[in-house]
Amino acid sequence: MQSNTVASIRARSARRGLRRAQRGATLLEAIAYLGIAAIVVIGAIALLNGAFSSASSNQTAEQVTAIQTGIKKLYMGQTNGYNGLTTAVAISAGVIPKTLVINTTNNTVTDPWGGAVTITGTGAGTFTIEFDTVPKDVCINAVSAGGTWTAVSVGGTAQAVPVTPSAAEAACAAANNNIIWTSA
């Protein structure tokens, strides 16, 4: 027979109370967990935004270099420089990277930010590649990326080549910038 002393009843009640208290997280614990999860998600989003911006900067520098290389190959054996070079000729020759928006009907090229990309032969042994509407952060990296440019202009102002990051930061002050690279 089981003894029902006051002490045994209290011990059984205490054990039951402990089991009930351990059945889940309190509201404060749940709020703390959600707060920590929110901080982690916000941090991940911030890192992704930085990574996408860096990728855009690298992609623009690669696009301009690919166009420059393609045009130099196209005109390698020519004796009259880059006469007759236009955006339409570059599109037809396939020197425009597929990462840019190419409209073969209108013979136009658009950058990722909706600005026009224009290629022009100057006739003086040089050609230009112009990107319109380049965001500030991308402009700084694209202008200071280096390359074999004879001239670089940002917003109509010529820059000393090679363009240093501090000079690029000063030149790319606008929210959207016009960049012209000149190559021989």
Protein backbone atom coordinates (compact mmCIF):
# COMPACT_ATOMS: atom_id res chain seq x y z
CA MET A 1 0.00 0.00 0.00
CA GLN A 2 1.13 3.41 -0.81
CA SER A 3 1.51 5.88 1.98
CA ASN A 4 -0.17 9.22 1.49
CA THR A 5 1.75 11.38 3.81
CA VAL A 6 1.86 15.08 3.35
CA ALA A 7 5.51 14.88 2.33
CA SER A 8 4.87 12.25 -0.36
CA ILE A 9 1.93 14.20 -1.80
CA ARG A 10 4.05 17.37 -1.97
CA ALA A 11 6.90 15.47 -3.64
CA ARG A 12 4.56 14.05 -6.33
CA SER A 13 3.02 17.49 -6.90
CA ALA A 14 6.45 19.10 -7.20
CA ARG A 15 7.53 16.50 -9.79
CA ARG A 16 4.37 17.10 -11.83
CA GLY A 17 4.92 20.88 -11.60
CA LEU A 18 8.46 20.51 -12.94
CA ARG A 19 7.25 18.42 -15.86
CA ARG A 20 4.63 21.02 -16.72
CA ALA A 21 7.13 23.91 -16.52
CA GLN A 22 9.49 22.20 -19.01
CA ARG A 23 6.92 21.73 -21.80
CA GLY A 24 8.07 24.55 -24.14
CA ALA A 25 9.66 27.93 -24.58
CA THR A 26 8.27 30.97 -22.91
CA LEU A 27 7.05 33.95 -24.88
CA LEU A 28 10.22 35.88 -23.99
CA GLU A 29 12.43 33.08 -25.28
CA ALA A 30 10.46 32.91 -28.53
CA ILE A 31 10.83 36.68 -29.02
CA ALA A 32 14.57 36.43 -28.35
CA TYR A 33 14.95 33.63 -30.92
CA LEU A 34 13.00 35.62 -33.52
CA GLY A 35 15.11 38.71 -32.81
CA ILE A 36 18.34 36.81 -33.34
CA ALA A 37 16.98 35.26 -36.54
CA ALA A 38 16.00 38.72 -37.83
CA ILE A 39 19.51 40.06 -37.17
CA VAL A 40 21.05 37.12 -39.06
CA VAL A 41 18.72 37.65 -42.04
CA ILE A 42 19.42 41.40 -42.17
CA GLY A 43 23.17 40.73 -42.06
CA ALA A 44 22.91 38.22 -44.89
CA ILE A 45 20.95 40.68 -47.03
CA ALA A 46 23.55 43.39 -46.43
CA LEU A 47 26.34 41.03 -47.49
CA LEU A 48 24.44 40.00 -50.62
CA ASN A 49 23.88 43.63 -51.63
CA GLY A 50 27.61 44.29 -51.34
CA ALA A 51 28.41 41.18 -53.35
CA PHE A 52 25.98 42.12 -56.14
CA SER A 53 27.41 45.65 -56.33
CA SER A 54 30.93 44.27 -56.56
CA ALA A 55 29.86 41.83 -59.26
CA SER A 56 28.32 44.68 -61.29
CA SER A 57 31.56 46.66 -61.04
CA ASN A 58 33.64 43.70 -62.19
CA GLN A 59 31.18 42.88 -64.97
CA THR A 60 31.31 46.43 -66.39
CA ALA A 61 35.12 46.42 -66.46
CA GLU A 62 35.06 43.00 -68.17
CA GLN A 63 32.47 44.15 -70.72
CA VAL A 64 34.50 47.21 -71.71
CA THR A 65 37.70 45.16 -71.97
CA ALA A 66 35.92 42.51 -74.08
CA ILE A 67 34.62 45.19 -76.47
CA GLN A 68 38.09 46.75 -76.71
CA THR A 69 39.73 43.39 -77.45
CA GLY A 70 37.09 42.44 -80.02
CA ILE A 71 37.43 45.74 -81.89
CA LYS A 72 41.23 45.54 -81.93
CA LYS A 73 41.00 42.02 -83.41
CA LEU A 74 38.41 43.17 -85.95
CA TYR A 75 40.57 46.08 -87.19
CA MET A 76 43.96 44.40 -86.76
CA GLY A 77 44.91 44.35 -90.46
CA GLN A 78 43.36 47.70 -91.38
CA THR A 79 45.59 50.52 -92.52
CA ASN A 80 43.09 53.35 -92.11
CA GLY A 81 42.59 53.06 -88.33
CA TYR A 82 39.09 52.63 -87.03
CA ASN A 83 37.26 54.51 -89.81
CA GLY A 84 33.68 53.37 -90.17
CA LEU A 85 33.50 51.81 -86.71
CA THR A 86 30.03 52.22 -85.20
CA THR A 87 27.90 50.42 -82.65
CA ALA A 88 26.12 48.70 -85.56
CA VAL A 89 29.42 47.36 -86.93
CA ALA A 90 30.40 46.08 -83.47
CA ILE A 91 27.02 44.34 -83.11
CA SER A 92 27.32 42.72 -86.56
CA ALA A 93 30.86 41.56 -85.83
CA GLY A 94 29.76 39.98 -82.55
CA VAL A 95 32.17 41.91 -80.32
CA ILE A 96 29.46 43.04 -77.87
CA PRO A 97 29.28 40.75 -74.81
CA LYS A 98 25.97 38.93 -74.37
CA THR A 99 25.70 40.36 -70.84
CA LEU A 100 24.68 43.69 -72.41
CA VAL A 101 21.24 44.19 -73.95
CA ILE A 102 21.64 44.11 -77.75
CA ASN A 103 18.83 45.36 -79.99
CA THR A 104 19.70 44.21 -83.53
CA THR A 105 16.61 45.89 -85.00
CA ASN A 106 17.72 49.39 -83.95
CA ASN A 107 21.46 48.54 -83.74
CA THR A 108 21.63 49.74 -80.15
CA VAL A 109 23.24 48.41 -77.00
CA THR A 110 22.02 49.13 -73.46
CA ASP A 111 23.91 48.73 -70.19
CA PRO A 112 22.34 47.05 -67.12
CA TRP A 113 21.12 50.42 -65.81
CA GLY A 114 19.25 51.38 -68.98
CA GLY A 115 21.90 53.71 -70.41
CA ALA A 116 23.13 53.62 -73.98
CA VAL A 117 26.43 51.98 -74.92
CA THR A 118 27.97 53.69 -77.94
CA ILE A 119 31.04 52.64 -79.93
CA THR A 120 32.62 55.11 -82.34
CA GLY A 121 35.75 55.11 -84.50
CA THR A 122 37.37 58.51 -84.42
CA GLY A 123 39.34 58.09 -87.66
CA ALA A 124 42.52 59.23 -85.95
CA GLY A 125 43.63 55.72 -85.07
CA THR A 126 41.49 55.58 -81.95
CA PHE A 127 38.00 54.50 -80.99
CA THR A 128 35.74 55.23 -78.03
CA ILE A 129 33.42 53.10 -75.90
CA GLU A 130 30.80 55.13 -74.06
CA PHE A 131 28.61 53.90 -71.20
CA ASP A 132 25.83 56.23 -70.14
CA THR A 133 24.05 56.18 -66.75
CA VAL A 134 26.63 54.22 -64.71
CA PRO A 135 25.95 54.26 -60.92
CA LYS A 136 28.55 55.88 -58.68
CA ASP A 137 29.91 52.72 -57.00
CA VAL A 138 30.21 50.89 -60.32
CA CYS A 139 31.76 53.96 -61.97
CA ILE A 140 34.55 54.20 -59.40
CA ASN A 141 35.56 50.56 -59.86
CA ALA A 142 35.13 50.49 -63.65
CA VAL A 143 37.17 53.67 -64.22
CA SER A 144 40.00 52.66 -61.90
CA ALA A 145 40.12 49.02 -63.11
CA GLY A 146 43.03 49.77 -65.41
CA GLY A 147 43.49 48.56 -68.94
CA THR A 148 45.29 49.87 -72.00
CA TRP A 149 43.28 53.04 -72.45
CA THR A 150 44.80 56.15 -74.02
CA ALA A 151 42.16 58.35 -72.35
CA VAL A 152 39.27 58.06 -69.90
CA SER A 153 36.58 60.70 -69.44
CA VAL A 154 33.92 60.83 -66.72
CA GLY A 155 31.06 63.30 -67.09
CA GLY A 156 32.92 65.13 -69.85
CA THR A 157 36.08 65.63 -67.78
CA ALA A 158 39.28 63.91 -68.92
CA GLN A 159 41.09 61.86 -66.28
CA ALA A 160 44.81 61.15 -66.02
CA VAL A 161 45.47 57.57 -67.14
CA PRO A 162 45.73 55.24 -65.26
CA VAL A 163 42.92 56.58 -63.11
CA THR A 164 43.59 56.21 -59.40
CA PRO A 165 40.77 55.16 -57.05
CA SER A 166 40.79 58.58 -55.35
CA ALA A 167 40.58 60.38 -58.71
CA ALA A 168 37.79 58.00 -59.77
CA GLU A 169 35.88 58.73 -56.57
CA ALA A 170 36.12 62.48 -57.21
CA ALA A 171 35.15 62.10 -60.89
CA CYS A 172 32.23 59.72 -60.25
CA ALA A 173 30.46 62.08 -57.84
CA ALA A 174 27.08 61.99 -59.60
CA ALA A 175 24.49 59.30 -58.91
CA ASN A 176 24.65 58.32 -62.62
CA ASN A 177 27.79 58.93 -64.65
CA ASN A 178 28.75 59.02 -68.32
CA ILE A 179 32.08 57.25 -68.98
CA ILE A 180 34.06 57.35 -72.24
CA TRP A 181 37.06 55.06 -72.69
CA THR A 182 39.42 55.82 -75.61
CA SER A 183 41.69 53.16 -77.07
CA ALA A 184 44.27 53.13 -79.86
